[in-house]
mmCIF file of all heavy atoms, coordinates in Angstrom:
data_MODEL
# 
_entry.id   MODEL 
# 
loop_
_atom_site.group_PDB 
_atom_site.id 
_atom_site.type_symbol 
_atom_site.label_atom_id 
_atom_site.label_alt_id 
_atom_site.label_comp_id 
_atom_site.label_asym_id 
_atom_site.label_entity_id 
_atom_site.label_seq_id 
_atom_site.pdbx_PDB_ins_code 
_atom_site.Cartn_x 
_atom_site.Cartn_y 
_atom_site.Cartn_z 
_atom_site.occupancy 
_atom_site.B_iso_or_equiv 
_atom_site.pdbx_formal_charge 
_atom_site.auth_seq_id 
_atom_site.auth_comp_id 
_atom_site.auth_asym_id 
_atom_site.auth_atom_id 
_atom_site.pdbx_PDB_model_num 
ATOM 1   N N   . GLY A 1 1  ? -101.511 44.362 35.561 1.00 0.00 ? 1  GLY A N   1 
ATOM 2   C CA  . GLY A 1 1  ? -100.578 43.285 35.254 1.00 0.00 ? 1  GLY A CA  1 
ATOM 3   C C   . GLY A 1 1  ? -99.696  43.629 34.074 1.00 0.00 ? 1  GLY A C   1 
ATOM 4   O O   . GLY A 1 1  ? -100.126 44.328 33.150 1.00 0.00 ? 1  GLY A O   1 
ATOM 5   N N   . VAL A 1 2  ? -98.469  43.156 34.118 1.00 0.00 ? 2  VAL A N   1 
ATOM 6   C CA  . VAL A 1 2  ? -97.531  43.379 33.018 1.00 0.00 ? 2  VAL A CA  1 
ATOM 7   C C   . VAL A 1 2  ? -96.946  42.034 32.600 1.00 0.00 ? 2  VAL A C   1 
ATOM 8   O O   . VAL A 1 2  ? -96.776  41.137 33.429 1.00 0.00 ? 2  VAL A O   1 
ATOM 9   C CB  . VAL A 1 2  ? -96.418  44.380 33.437 1.00 0.00 ? 2  VAL A CB  1 
ATOM 10  C CG1 . VAL A 1 2  ? -95.550  43.798 34.550 1.00 0.00 ? 2  VAL A CG1 1 
ATOM 11  C CG2 . VAL A 1 2  ? -95.553  44.781 32.256 1.00 0.00 ? 2  VAL A CG2 1 
ATOM 12  N N   . THR A 1 3  ? -96.668  41.873 31.306 1.00 0.00 ? 3  THR A N   1 
ATOM 13  C CA  . THR A 1 3  ? -96.270  40.564 30.771 1.00 0.00 ? 3  THR A CA  1 
ATOM 14  C C   . THR A 1 3  ? -94.761  40.322 30.804 1.00 0.00 ? 3  THR A C   1 
ATOM 15  O O   . THR A 1 3  ? -94.265  39.467 30.081 1.00 0.00 ? 3  THR A O   1 
ATOM 16  C CB  . THR A 1 3  ? -96.780  40.409 29.320 1.00 0.00 ? 3  THR A CB  1 
ATOM 17  O OG1 . THR A 1 3  ? -96.166  41.418 28.486 1.00 0.00 ? 3  THR A OG1 1 
ATOM 18  C CG2 . THR A 1 3  ? -98.289  40.536 29.253 1.00 0.00 ? 3  THR A CG2 1 
ATOM 19  N N   . SER A 1 4  ? -94.061  41.055 31.628 1.00 0.00 ? 4  SER A N   1 
ATOM 20  C CA  . SER A 1 4  ? -92.606  40.865 31.751 1.00 0.00 ? 4  SER A CA  1 
ATOM 21  C C   . SER A 1 4  ? -92.289  39.750 32.739 1.00 0.00 ? 4  SER A C   1 
ATOM 22  O O   . SER A 1 4  ? -93.138  39.334 33.540 1.00 0.00 ? 4  SER A O   1 
ATOM 23  C CB  . SER A 1 4  ? -91.943  42.169 32.213 1.00 0.00 ? 4  SER A CB  1 
ATOM 24  O OG  . SER A 1 4  ? -92.556  42.649 33.398 1.00 0.00 ? 4  SER A OG  1 
ATOM 25  N N   . GLN A 1 5  ? -91.051  39.269 32.675 1.00 0.00 ? 5  GLN A N   1 
ATOM 26  C CA  . GLN A 1 5  ? -90.591  38.214 33.590 1.00 0.00 ? 5  GLN A CA  1 
ATOM 27  C C   . GLN A 1 5  ? -90.484  38.753 35.008 1.00 0.00 ? 5  GLN A C   1 
ATOM 28  O O   . GLN A 1 5  ? -90.840  38.086 35.979 1.00 0.00 ? 5  GLN A O   1 
ATOM 29  C CB  . GLN A 1 5  ? -89.230  37.681 33.133 1.00 0.00 ? 5  GLN A CB  1 
ATOM 30  C CG  . GLN A 1 5  ? -88.715  36.488 33.908 1.00 0.00 ? 5  GLN A CG  1 
ATOM 31  C CD  . GLN A 1 5  ? -89.421  35.194 33.535 1.00 0.00 ? 5  GLN A CD  1 
ATOM 32  O OE1 . GLN A 1 5  ? -89.852  35.016 32.408 1.00 0.00 ? 5  GLN A OE1 1 
ATOM 33  N NE2 . GLN A 1 5  ? -89.544  34.270 34.491 1.00 0.00 ? 5  GLN A NE2 1 
ATOM 34  N N   . LYS A 1 6  ? -89.992  39.993 35.121 1.00 0.00 ? 6  LYS A N   1 
ATOM 35  C CA  . LYS A 1 6  ? -89.843  40.660 36.413 1.00 0.00 ? 6  LYS A CA  1 
ATOM 36  C C   . LYS A 1 6  ? -90.501  42.033 36.322 1.00 0.00 ? 6  LYS A C   1 
ATOM 37  O O   . LYS A 1 6  ? -90.747  42.546 35.229 1.00 0.00 ? 6  LYS A O   1 
ATOM 38  C CB  . LYS A 1 6  ? -88.364  40.812 36.781 1.00 0.00 ? 6  LYS A CB  1 
ATOM 39  C CG  . LYS A 1 6  ? -87.622  39.508 36.931 1.00 0.00 ? 6  LYS A CG  1 
ATOM 40  C CD  . LYS A 1 6  ? -86.150  39.761 37.272 1.00 0.00 ? 6  LYS A CD  1 
ATOM 41  C CE  . LYS A 1 6  ? -85.384  38.447 37.426 1.00 0.00 ? 6  LYS A CE  1 
ATOM 42  N NZ  . LYS A 1 6  ? -83.947  38.679 37.726 1.00 0.00 ? 6  LYS A NZ  1 
ATOM 43  N N   . ARG A 1 7  ? -90.765  42.638 37.469 1.00 0.00 ? 7  ARG A N   1 
ATOM 44  C CA  . ARG A 1 7  ? -91.358  43.982 37.459 1.00 0.00 ? 7  ARG A CA  1 
ATOM 45  C C   . ARG A 1 7  ? -90.445  44.957 36.722 1.00 0.00 ? 7  ARG A C   1 
ATOM 46  O O   . ARG A 1 7  ? -89.216  44.889 36.835 1.00 0.00 ? 7  ARG A O   1 
ATOM 47  C CB  . ARG A 1 7  ? -91.597  44.472 38.882 1.00 0.00 ? 7  ARG A CB  1 
ATOM 48  C CG  . ARG A 1 7  ? -92.709  43.724 39.598 1.00 0.00 ? 7  ARG A CG  1 
ATOM 49  C CD  . ARG A 1 7  ? -93.241  44.503 40.779 1.00 0.00 ? 7  ARG A CD  1 
ATOM 50  N NE  . ARG A 1 7  ? -94.248  43.751 41.522 1.00 0.00 ? 7  ARG A NE  1 
ATOM 51  C CZ  . ARG A 1 7  ? -95.107  44.293 42.378 1.00 0.00 ? 7  ARG A CZ  1 
ATOM 52  N NH1 . ARG A 1 7  ? -95.067  45.607 42.609 1.00 0.00 ? 7  ARG A NH1 1 
ATOM 53  N NH2 . ARG A 1 7  ? -95.993  43.545 43.005 1.00 0.00 ? 7  ARG A NH2 1 
ATOM 54  N N   . LEU A 1 8  ? -91.065  45.861 35.981 1.00 0.00 ? 8  LEU A N   1 
ATOM 55  C CA  . LEU A 1 8  ? -90.296  46.827 35.222 1.00 0.00 ? 8  LEU A CA  1 
ATOM 56  C C   . LEU A 1 8  ? -89.720  47.886 36.155 1.00 0.00 ? 8  LEU A C   1 
ATOM 57  O O   . LEU A 1 8  ? -90.396  48.340 37.091 1.00 0.00 ? 8  LEU A O   1 
ATOM 58  C CB  . LEU A 1 8  ? -91.178  47.493 34.162 1.00 0.00 ? 8  LEU A CB  1 
ATOM 59  C CG  . LEU A 1 8  ? -91.829  46.538 33.148 1.00 0.00 ? 8  LEU A CG  1 
ATOM 60  C CD1 . LEU A 1 8  ? -92.730  47.320 32.190 1.00 0.00 ? 8  LEU A CD1 1 
ATOM 61  C CD2 . LEU A 1 8  ? -90.747  45.798 32.352 1.00 0.00 ? 8  LEU A CD2 1 
ATOM 62  N N   . PRO A 1 9  ? -88.469  48.309 35.932 1.00 0.00 ? 9  PRO A N   1 
ATOM 63  C CA  . PRO A 1 9  ? -87.832  49.314 36.794 1.00 0.00 ? 9  PRO A CA  1 
ATOM 64  C C   . PRO A 1 9  ? -88.660  50.601 36.862 1.00 0.00 ? 9  PRO A C   1 
ATOM 65  O O   . PRO A 1 9  ? -89.077  51.146 35.843 1.00 0.00 ? 9  PRO A O   1 
ATOM 66  C CB  . PRO A 1 9  ? -86.487  49.565 36.100 1.00 0.00 ? 9  PRO A CB  1 
ATOM 67  C CG  . PRO A 1 9  ? -86.240  48.338 35.279 1.00 0.00 ? 9  PRO A CG  1 
ATOM 68  C CD  . PRO A 1 9  ? -87.589  47.866 34.849 1.00 0.00 ? 9  PRO A CD  1 
ATOM 69  N N   . GLY A 1 10 ? -88.890  51.061 38.079 1.00 0.00 ? 10 GLY A N   1 
ATOM 70  C CA  . GLY A 1 10 ? -89.603  52.315 38.268 1.00 0.00 ? 10 GLY A CA  1 
ATOM 71  C C   . GLY A 1 10 ? -91.100  52.244 38.021 1.00 0.00 ? 10 GLY A C   1 
ATOM 72  O O   . GLY A 1 10 ? -91.788  53.264 38.089 1.00 0.00 ? 10 GLY A O   1 
ATOM 73  N N   . ILE A 1 11 ? -91.612  51.049 37.703 1.00 0.00 ? 11 ILE A N   1 
ATOM 74  C CA  . ILE A 1 11 ? -93.047  50.892 37.417 1.00 0.00 ? 11 ILE A CA  1 
ATOM 75  C C   . ILE A 1 11 ? -93.606  49.834 38.366 1.00 0.00 ? 11 ILE A C   1 
ATOM 76  O O   . ILE A 1 11 ? -93.324  48.651 38.232 1.00 0.00 ? 11 ILE A O   1 
ATOM 77  C CB  . ILE A 1 11 ? -93.278  50.465 35.959 1.00 0.00 ? 11 ILE A CB  1 
ATOM 78  C CG1 . ILE A 1 11 ? -92.706  51.527 34.999 1.00 0.00 ? 11 ILE A CG1 1 
ATOM 79  C CG2 . ILE A 1 11 ? -94.750  50.257 35.689 1.00 0.00 ? 11 ILE A CG2 1 
ATOM 80  C CD1 . ILE A 1 11 ? -92.745  51.131 33.555 1.00 0.00 ? 11 ILE A CD1 1 
ATOM 81  N N   . ASN A 1 12 ? -94.394  50.275 39.328 1.00 0.00 ? 12 ASN A N   1 
ATOM 82  C CA  . ASN A 1 12 ? -94.871  49.364 40.376 1.00 0.00 ? 12 ASN A CA  1 
ATOM 83  C C   . ASN A 1 12 ? -96.149  48.651 39.931 1.00 0.00 ? 12 ASN A C   1 
ATOM 84  O O   . ASN A 1 12 ? -97.242  48.906 40.434 1.00 0.00 ? 12 ASN A O   1 
ATOM 85  C CB  . ASN A 1 12 ? -95.115  50.149 41.659 1.00 0.00 ? 12 ASN A CB  1 
ATOM 86  C CG  . ASN A 1 12 ? -95.422  49.226 42.831 1.00 0.00 ? 12 ASN A CG  1 
ATOM 87  O OD1 . ASN A 1 12 ? -94.943  48.085 42.865 1.00 0.00 ? 12 ASN A OD1 1 
ATOM 88  N ND2 . ASN A 1 12 ? -96.215  49.701 43.772 1.00 0.00 ? 12 ASN A ND2 1 
ATOM 89  N N   . VAL A 1 13 ? -95.981  47.754 38.954 1.00 0.00 ? 13 VAL A N   1 
ATOM 90  C CA  . VAL A 1 13 ? -97.106  46.967 38.445 1.00 0.00 ? 13 VAL A CA  1 
ATOM 91  C C   . VAL A 1 13 ? -96.734  45.493 38.569 1.00 0.00 ? 13 VAL A C   1 
ATOM 92  O O   . VAL A 1 13 ? -95.674  45.080 38.090 1.00 0.00 ? 13 VAL A O   1 
ATOM 93  C CB  . VAL A 1 13 ? -97.403  47.302 36.971 1.00 0.00 ? 13 VAL A CB  1 
ATOM 94  C CG1 . VAL A 1 13 ? -98.597  46.484 36.478 1.00 0.00 ? 13 VAL A CG1 1 
ATOM 95  C CG2 . VAL A 1 13 ? -97.668  48.786 36.792 1.00 0.00 ? 13 VAL A CG2 1 
ATOM 96  N N   . PRO A 1 14 ? -97.563  44.687 39.229 1.00 0.00 ? 14 PRO A N   1 
ATOM 97  C CA  . PRO A 1 14 ? -97.235  43.267 39.389 1.00 0.00 ? 14 PRO A CA  1 
ATOM 98  C C   . PRO A 1 14 ? -97.230  42.537 38.044 1.00 0.00 ? 14 PRO A C   1 
ATOM 99  O O   . PRO A 1 14 ? -98.045  42.831 37.169 1.00 0.00 ? 14 PRO A O   1 
ATOM 100 C CB  . PRO A 1 14 ? -98.355  42.736 40.291 1.00 0.00 ? 14 PRO A CB  1 
ATOM 101 C CG  . PRO A 1 14 ? -99.500  43.679 40.072 1.00 0.00 ? 14 PRO A CG  1 
ATOM 102 C CD  . PRO A 1 14 ? -98.866  45.017 39.832 1.00 0.00 ? 14 PRO A CD  1 
ATOM 103 N N   . THR A 1 15 ? -96.305  41.621 37.886 1.00 0.00 ? 15 THR A N   1 
ATOM 104 C CA  . THR A 1 15 ? -96.254  40.830 36.660 1.00 0.00 ? 15 THR A CA  1 
ATOM 105 C C   . THR A 1 15 ? -97.396  39.811 36.663 1.00 0.00 ? 15 THR A C   1 
ATOM 106 O O   . THR A 1 15 ? -97.931  39.461 37.717 1.00 0.00 ? 15 THR A O   1 
ATOM 107 C CB  . THR A 1 15 ? -94.926  40.083 36.518 1.00 0.00 ? 15 THR A CB  1 
ATOM 108 O OG1 . THR A 1 15 ? -94.846  39.068 37.534 1.00 0.00 ? 15 THR A OG1 1 
ATOM 109 C CG2 . THR A 1 15 ? -93.739  41.030 36.649 1.00 0.00 ? 15 THR A CG2 1 
ATOM 110 N N   . MET A 1 16 ? -97.744  39.348 35.493 1.00 0.00 ? 16 MET A N   1 
ATOM 111 C CA  . MET A 1 16 ? -98.752  38.302 35.397 1.00 0.00 ? 16 MET A CA  1 
ATOM 112 C C   . MET A 1 16 ? -98.256  37.046 36.116 1.00 0.00 ? 16 MET A C   1 
ATOM 113 O O   . MET A 1 16 ? -99.014  36.353 36.799 1.00 0.00 ? 16 MET A O   1 
ATOM 114 C CB  . MET A 1 16 ? -99.046  37.993 33.924 1.00 0.00 ? 16 MET A CB  1 
ATOM 115 C CG  . MET A 1 16 ? -99.586  39.172 33.141 1.00 0.00 ? 16 MET A CG  1 
ATOM 116 S SD  . MET A 1 16 ? -101.237 39.661 33.649 1.00 0.00 ? 16 MET A SD  1 
ATOM 117 C CE  . MET A 1 16 ? -102.194 38.318 32.938 1.00 0.00 ? 16 MET A CE  1 
ATOM 118 N N   . LYS A 1 17 ? -96.963  36.793 35.965 1.00 0.00 ? 17 LYS A N   1 
ATOM 119 C CA  . LYS A 1 17 ? -96.391  35.564 36.516 1.00 0.00 ? 17 LYS A CA  1 
ATOM 120 C C   . LYS A 1 17 ? -96.445  35.569 38.049 1.00 0.00 ? 17 LYS A C   1 
ATOM 121 O O   . LYS A 1 17 ? -96.766  34.542 38.664 1.00 0.00 ? 17 LYS A O   1 
ATOM 122 C CB  . LYS A 1 17 ? -94.962  35.403 36.033 1.00 0.00 ? 17 LYS A CB  1 
ATOM 123 C CG  . LYS A 1 17 ? -94.402  34.015 36.280 1.00 0.00 ? 17 LYS A CG  1 
ATOM 124 C CD  . LYS A 1 17 ? -93.159  33.758 35.445 1.00 0.00 ? 17 LYS A CD  1 
ATOM 125 C CE  . LYS A 1 17 ? -92.709  32.307 35.583 1.00 0.00 ? 17 LYS A CE  1 
ATOM 126 N NZ  . LYS A 1 17 ? -91.544  32.002 34.733 1.00 0.00 ? 17 LYS A NZ  1 
ATOM 127 N N   . GLU A 1 18 ? -96.143  36.698 38.671 1.00 0.00 ? 18 GLU A N   1 
ATOM 128 C CA  . GLU A 1 18 ? -96.152  36.731 40.137 1.00 0.00 ? 18 GLU A CA  1 
ATOM 129 C C   . GLU A 1 18 ? -97.576  36.628 40.693 1.00 0.00 ? 18 GLU A C   1 
ATOM 130 O O   . GLU A 1 18 ? -97.771  36.293 41.861 1.00 0.00 ? 18 GLU A O   1 
ATOM 131 C CB  . GLU A 1 18 ? -95.465  37.991 40.669 1.00 0.00 ? 18 GLU A CB  1 
ATOM 132 C CG  . GLU A 1 18 ? -96.233  39.270 40.515 1.00 0.00 ? 18 GLU A CG  1 
ATOM 133 C CD  . GLU A 1 18 ? -95.481  40.481 41.067 1.00 0.00 ? 18 GLU A CD  1 
ATOM 134 O OE1 . GLU A 1 18 ? -94.593  41.007 40.375 1.00 0.00 ? 18 GLU A OE1 1 
ATOM 135 O OE2 . GLU A 1 18 ? -95.793  40.887 42.202 1.00 0.00 ? 18 GLU A OE2 1 
ATOM 136 N N   . GLN A 1 19 ? -98.555  36.886 39.842 1.00 0.00 ? 19 GLN A N   1 
ATOM 137 C CA  . GLN A 1 19 ? -99.952  36.738 40.251 1.00 0.00 ? 19 GLN A CA  1 
ATOM 138 C C   . GLN A 1 19 ? -100.478 35.326 40.002 1.00 0.00 ? 19 GLN A C   1 
ATOM 139 O O   . GLN A 1 19 ? -101.635 35.023 40.268 1.00 0.00 ? 19 GLN A O   1 
ATOM 140 C CB  . GLN A 1 19 ? -100.825 37.756 39.514 1.00 0.00 ? 19 GLN A CB  1 
ATOM 141 C CG  . GLN A 1 19 ? -100.491 39.208 39.833 1.00 0.00 ? 19 GLN A CG  1 
ATOM 142 C CD  . GLN A 1 19 ? -101.399 40.184 39.104 1.00 0.00 ? 19 GLN A CD  1 
ATOM 143 O OE1 . GLN A 1 19 ? -102.555 40.393 39.484 1.00 0.00 ? 19 GLN A OE1 1 
ATOM 144 N NE2 . GLN A 1 19 ? -100.894 40.797 38.045 1.00 0.00 ? 19 GLN A NE2 1 
ATOM 145 N N   . GLY A 1 20 ? -99.592  34.469 39.472 1.00 0.00 ? 20 GLY A N   1 
ATOM 146 C CA  . GLY A 1 20 ? -99.959  33.072 39.287 1.00 0.00 ? 20 GLY A CA  1 
ATOM 147 C C   . GLY A 1 20 ? -100.368 32.693 37.881 1.00 0.00 ? 20 GLY A C   1 
ATOM 148 O O   . GLY A 1 20 ? -100.859 31.578 37.663 1.00 0.00 ? 20 GLY A O   1 
ATOM 149 N N   . TYR A 1 21 ? -100.149 33.599 36.916 1.00 0.00 ? 21 TYR A N   1 
ATOM 150 C CA  . TYR A 1 21 ? -100.535 33.334 35.537 1.00 0.00 ? 21 TYR A CA  1 
ATOM 151 C C   . TYR A 1 21 ? -99.286  33.302 34.649 1.00 0.00 ? 21 TYR A C   1 
ATOM 152 O O   . TYR A 1 21 ? -98.542  34.286 34.577 1.00 0.00 ? 21 TYR A O   1 
ATOM 153 C CB  . TYR A 1 21 ? -101.502 34.414 35.035 1.00 0.00 ? 21 TYR A CB  1 
ATOM 154 C CG  . TYR A 1 21 ? -102.627 34.678 36.013 1.00 0.00 ? 21 TYR A CG  1 
ATOM 155 C CD1 . TYR A 1 21 ? -102.753 35.925 36.632 1.00 0.00 ? 21 TYR A CD1 1 
ATOM 156 C CD2 . TYR A 1 21 ? -103.545 33.688 36.333 1.00 0.00 ? 21 TYR A CD2 1 
ATOM 157 C CE1 . TYR A 1 21 ? -103.773 36.176 37.530 1.00 0.00 ? 21 TYR A CE1 1 
ATOM 158 C CE2 . TYR A 1 21 ? -104.567 33.921 37.242 1.00 0.00 ? 21 TYR A CE2 1 
ATOM 159 C CZ  . TYR A 1 21 ? -104.672 35.178 37.842 1.00 0.00 ? 21 TYR A CZ  1 
ATOM 160 O OH  . TYR A 1 21 ? -105.677 35.408 38.743 1.00 0.00 ? 21 TYR A OH  1 
ATOM 161 N N   . ASP A 1 22 ? -99.059  32.185 34.009 1.00 0.00 ? 22 ASP A N   1 
ATOM 162 C CA  . ASP A 1 22 ? -97.846  32.009 33.213 1.00 0.00 ? 22 ASP A CA  1 
ATOM 163 C C   . ASP A 1 22 ? -97.995  32.698 31.852 1.00 0.00 ? 22 ASP A C   1 
ATOM 164 O O   . ASP A 1 22 ? -98.167  32.060 30.812 1.00 0.00 ? 22 ASP A O   1 
ATOM 165 C CB  . ASP A 1 22 ? -97.556  30.510 33.030 1.00 0.00 ? 22 ASP A CB  1 
ATOM 166 C CG  . ASP A 1 22 ? -96.185  30.273 32.419 1.00 0.00 ? 22 ASP A CG  1 
ATOM 167 O OD1 . ASP A 1 22 ? -95.364  31.209 32.436 1.00 0.00 ? 22 ASP A OD1 1 
ATOM 168 O OD2 . ASP A 1 22 ? -95.941  29.161 31.915 1.00 0.00 ? 22 ASP A OD2 1 
ATOM 169 N N   . VAL A 1 23 ? -97.931  34.006 31.895 1.00 0.00 ? 23 VAL A N   1 
ATOM 170 C CA  . VAL A 1 23 ? -98.064  34.823 30.690 1.00 0.00 ? 23 VAL A CA  1 
ATOM 171 C C   . VAL A 1 23 ? -96.865  35.776 30.629 1.00 0.00 ? 23 VAL A C   1 
ATOM 172 O O   . VAL A 1 23 ? -96.843  36.808 31.303 1.00 0.00 ? 23 VAL A O   1 
ATOM 173 C CB  . VAL A 1 23 ? -99.379  35.628 30.674 1.00 0.00 ? 23 VAL A CB  1 
ATOM 174 C CG1 . VAL A 1 23 ? -99.472  36.470 29.403 1.00 0.00 ? 23 VAL A CG1 1 
ATOM 175 C CG2 . VAL A 1 23 ? -100.586 34.706 30.791 1.00 0.00 ? 23 VAL A CG2 1 
ATOM 176 N N   . VAL A 1 24 ? -95.869  35.396 29.850 1.00 0.00 ? 24 VAL A N   1 
ATOM 177 C CA  . VAL A 1 24 ? -94.678  36.224 29.658 1.00 0.00 ? 24 VAL A CA  1 
ATOM 178 C C   . VAL A 1 24 ? -94.483  36.384 28.159 1.00 0.00 ? 24 VAL A C   1 
ATOM 179 O O   . VAL A 1 24 ? -94.266  35.411 27.433 1.00 0.00 ? 24 VAL A O   1 
ATOM 180 C CB  . VAL A 1 24 ? -93.424  35.579 30.291 1.00 0.00 ? 24 VAL A CB  1 
ATOM 181 C CG1 . VAL A 1 24 ? -92.192  36.453 30.024 1.00 0.00 ? 24 VAL A CG1 1 
ATOM 182 C CG2 . VAL A 1 24 ? -93.620  35.372 31.787 1.00 0.00 ? 24 VAL A CG2 1 
ATOM 183 N N   . LEU A 1 25 ? -94.593  37.610 27.685 1.00 0.00 ? 25 LEU A N   1 
ATOM 184 C CA  . LEU A 1 25 ? -94.484  37.849 26.251 1.00 0.00 ? 25 LEU A CA  1 
ATOM 185 C C   . LEU A 1 25 ? -94.025  39.290 26.023 1.00 0.00 ? 25 LEU A C   1 
ATOM 186 O O   . LEU A 1 25 ? -94.615  40.230 26.539 1.00 0.00 ? 25 LEU A O   1 
ATOM 187 C CB  . LEU A 1 25 ? -95.840  37.625 25.562 1.00 0.00 ? 25 LEU A CB  1 
ATOM 188 C CG  . LEU A 1 25 ? -95.849  37.739 24.031 1.00 0.00 ? 25 LEU A CG  1 
ATOM 189 C CD1 . LEU A 1 25 ? -95.004  36.643 23.390 1.00 0.00 ? 25 LEU A CD1 1 
ATOM 190 C CD2 . LEU A 1 25 ? -97.283  37.656 23.507 1.00 0.00 ? 25 LEU A CD2 1 
ATOM 191 N N   . GLY A 1 26 ? -92.958  39.433 25.243 1.00 0.00 ? 26 GLY A N   1 
ATOM 192 C CA  . GLY A 1 26 ? -92.425  40.756 24.964 1.00 0.00 ? 26 GLY A CA  1 
ATOM 193 C C   . GLY A 1 26 ? -92.833  41.275 23.604 1.00 0.00 ? 26 GLY A C   1 
ATOM 194 O O   . GLY A 1 26 ? -93.118  40.503 22.680 1.00 0.00 ? 26 GLY A O   1 
# 
C-alpha cells in the first residue's frame, strides 16, 4: 500500500485509499 491519492507513476502499488482505507499523507 502507498499513501498517495493516486498510484505513483511507474510503481504498481495500490493506494491505501483504493483498498478502502482513507489514509492519504505525503
